[in-house]
């Protein structure tokens, strides 16, 4: 195979990868757990710690209850030794996105329902829960979910 052919294949692969990467975050026009909140409106504040001790990874609290229609201001605090993320979706959606994260482990999230935080970083996510049901918040960095880094939100 000539150098030109190899270069063409490499460029095609990179283009296909970038299209897959981009499209993974462009289909979030609707969200299963509700809608992005309005930071200017009142919200109940819930502090969520992201923790790890080398083996186990977890969120504190691991379970949150909210009322349908309630707006929540999640104050996120990465108290761990690694980067972590907070992805709010259904279990099935997080599972699907987790598979994509295995292919692109350094994927940065710029979605209203997700935040990625470096070590010691703090962040905020404002969300209005418009649908009743059980949802999940999870860290989908490869290996973190499997180490216990997920929790549930029950909306009544």
Protein backbone atom coordinates (compact mmCIF):
# COMPACT_ATOMS: atom_id res chain seq x y z
CA UNK A 1 0.00 0.00 0.00
CA UNK A 2 1.40 3.41 -0.95
CA UNK A 3 1.98 6.23 1.54
CA UNK A 4 -0.81 8.21 -0.10
CA UNK A 5 -3.24 5.32 0.42
CA UNK A 6 -2.21 4.92 4.05
CA UNK A 7 -2.62 8.67 4.61
CA UNK A 8 -6.07 8.62 2.97
CA UNK A 9 -7.19 5.72 5.18
CA UNK A 10 -5.88 7.51 8.27
CA UNK A 11 -7.70 10.74 7.38
CA UNK A 12 -10.93 8.81 6.68
CA UNK A 13 -10.65 7.05 10.05
CA UNK A 14 -10.07 10.33 11.90
CA UNK A 15 -13.04 11.97 10.16
CA UNK A 16 -15.29 9.02 10.98
CA UNK A 17 -14.13 9.12 14.61
CA UNK A 18 -14.81 12.84 14.93
CA UNK A 19 -18.27 12.46 13.40
CA UNK A 20 -19.10 9.69 15.88
CA UNK A 21 -17.68 11.74 18.76
CA UNK A 22 -19.62 14.87 17.79
CA UNK A 23 -22.91 13.13 17.11
CA UNK A 24 -22.79 11.46 20.51
CA UNK A 25 -23.50 14.82 22.11
CA UNK A 26 -25.75 16.46 19.56
CA UNK A 27 -28.78 14.25 20.09
CA UNK A 28 -29.50 15.53 23.61
CA UNK A 29 -32.30 17.89 22.60
CA UNK A 30 -34.62 16.05 24.99
CA UNK A 31 -33.63 14.54 28.29
CA UNK A 32 -35.20 11.62 30.11
CA UNK A 33 -34.93 13.16 33.59
CA UNK A 34 -36.38 16.57 32.82
CA UNK A 35 -34.94 19.82 31.50
CA UNK A 36 -31.97 22.06 32.22
CA UNK A 37 -32.80 24.37 35.09
CA UNK A 38 -32.78 28.15 35.16
CA UNK A 39 -29.94 29.33 37.44
CA UNK A 40 -31.83 32.59 38.07
CA UNK A 41 -34.80 30.79 39.65
CA UNK A 42 -34.95 29.37 43.19
CA UNK A 43 -33.66 25.84 43.64
CA UNK A 44 -33.02 23.42 46.44
CA UNK A 45 -29.28 22.86 46.78
CA UNK A 46 -27.89 19.35 47.07
CA UNK A 47 -24.15 18.90 47.64
CA UNK A 48 -22.72 15.81 45.92
CA UNK A 49 -19.24 14.59 46.82
CA UNK A 50 -17.20 12.53 44.34
CA UNK A 51 -14.89 10.24 46.31
CA UNK A 52 -12.39 7.46 45.71
CA UNK A 53 -9.93 5.63 47.91
CA UNK A 54 -7.92 3.73 45.34
CA UNK A 55 -10.30 0.76 45.08
CA UNK A 56 -13.83 1.98 45.68
CA UNK A 57 -15.39 4.99 44.03
CA UNK A 58 -18.63 6.56 45.15
CA UNK A 59 -20.93 9.54 45.30
CA UNK A 60 -22.21 10.90 48.61
CA UNK A 61 -25.14 10.84 48.87
CA UNK A 62 -25.78 7.73 46.77
CA UNK A 63 -29.55 8.24 46.72
CA UNK A 64 -31.55 11.45 46.30
CA UNK A 65 -35.30 12.06 46.39
CA UNK A 66 -36.96 15.01 44.65
CA UNK A 67 -40.47 16.09 43.78
CA UNK A 68 -41.73 16.23 40.22
CA UNK A 69 -41.41 19.86 39.05
CA UNK A 70 -38.66 20.64 41.57
CA UNK A 71 -35.53 22.47 40.49
CA UNK A 72 -32.28 21.26 42.05
CA UNK A 73 -28.90 22.97 42.14
CA UNK A 74 -26.32 20.17 42.39
CA UNK A 75 -23.13 21.50 43.97
CA UNK A 76 -20.49 19.01 42.84
CA UNK A 77 -17.21 18.58 44.70
CA UNK A 78 -14.50 16.22 43.50
CA UNK A 79 -12.79 15.16 46.71
CA UNK A 80 -11.14 12.19 45.01
CA UNK A 81 -7.69 11.53 43.59
CA UNK A 82 -8.87 11.24 39.96
CA UNK A 83 -11.09 13.15 37.55
CA UNK A 84 -14.77 12.24 37.86
CA UNK A 85 -18.00 13.12 36.14
CA UNK A 86 -21.66 13.48 37.02
CA UNK A 87 -23.95 12.26 34.22
CA UNK A 88 -27.70 12.48 34.85
CA UNK A 89 -29.83 10.10 32.74
CA UNK A 90 -31.58 6.73 32.90
CA UNK A 91 -29.64 3.56 33.70
CA UNK A 92 -30.03 2.43 30.07
CA UNK A 93 -28.83 5.77 28.68
CA UNK A 94 -25.82 5.77 31.00
CA UNK A 95 -24.99 2.20 30.01
CA UNK A 96 -25.07 3.18 26.32
CA UNK A 97 -22.99 6.30 26.92
CA UNK A 98 -20.55 4.29 29.04
CA UNK A 99 -19.83 2.09 26.01
CA UNK A 100 -19.04 5.21 23.99
CA UNK A 101 -16.77 6.44 26.79
CA UNK A 102 -14.74 3.23 26.49
CA UNK A 103 -13.91 4.27 22.91
CA UNK A 104 -13.29 7.94 23.85
CA UNK A 105 -12.16 7.94 27.52
CA UNK A 106 -11.03 11.59 27.43
CA UNK A 107 -14.39 12.83 26.14
CA UNK A 108 -15.29 16.18 27.66
CA UNK A 109 -18.95 16.85 28.38
CA UNK A 110 -20.58 20.12 27.55
CA UNK A 111 -24.11 18.91 28.11
CA UNK A 112 -26.66 20.43 30.48
CA UNK A 113 -27.02 17.06 32.25
CA UNK A 114 -23.31 16.32 32.72
CA UNK A 115 -20.18 17.77 34.32
CA UNK A 116 -16.60 16.48 34.39
CA UNK A 117 -14.40 17.68 37.24
CA UNK A 118 -10.66 17.44 37.73
CA UNK A 119 -9.20 16.57 41.15
CA UNK A 120 -10.28 19.11 43.81
CA UNK A 121 -12.47 20.95 41.29
CA UNK A 122 -16.00 22.09 42.08
CA UNK A 123 -18.90 22.55 39.70
CA UNK A 124 -22.60 23.16 39.52
CA UNK A 125 -25.46 21.64 37.58
CA UNK A 126 -29.00 23.05 37.73
CA UNK A 127 -31.78 20.67 36.76
CA UNK A 128 -35.59 20.74 36.78
CA UNK A 129 -37.16 17.32 37.22
CA UNK A 130 -40.30 17.36 35.06
CA UNK A 131 -40.86 13.60 34.95
CA UNK A 132 -41.57 11.12 37.73
CA UNK A 133 -39.50 7.97 37.90
CA UNK A 134 -36.10 6.62 38.83
CA UNK A 135 -33.00 8.12 37.25
CA UNK A 136 -29.29 7.66 37.70
CA UNK A 137 -26.26 9.86 38.17
CA UNK A 138 -23.00 8.19 37.28
CA UNK A 139 -19.34 8.63 36.48
CA UNK A 140 -18.84 7.03 33.08
CA UNK A 141 -15.06 7.34 32.91
CA UNK A 142 -13.99 3.76 32.10
CA UNK A 143 -13.80 1.64 35.25
CA UNK A 144 -15.39 4.19 37.58
CA UNK A 145 -19.00 2.99 37.25
CA UNK A 146 -17.84 -0.59 37.82
CA UNK A 147 -16.00 0.56 40.97
CA UNK A 148 -19.29 1.82 42.43
CA UNK A 149 -19.52 5.39 41.17
CA UNK A 150 -23.25 5.72 40.53
CA UNK A 151 -26.33 6.69 42.45
CA UNK A 152 -30.06 7.04 41.99
CA UNK A 153 -32.55 9.86 41.95
CA UNK A 154 -36.16 9.08 42.72
CA UNK A 155 -38.64 11.64 41.44
CA UNK A 156 -42.15 11.45 42.98
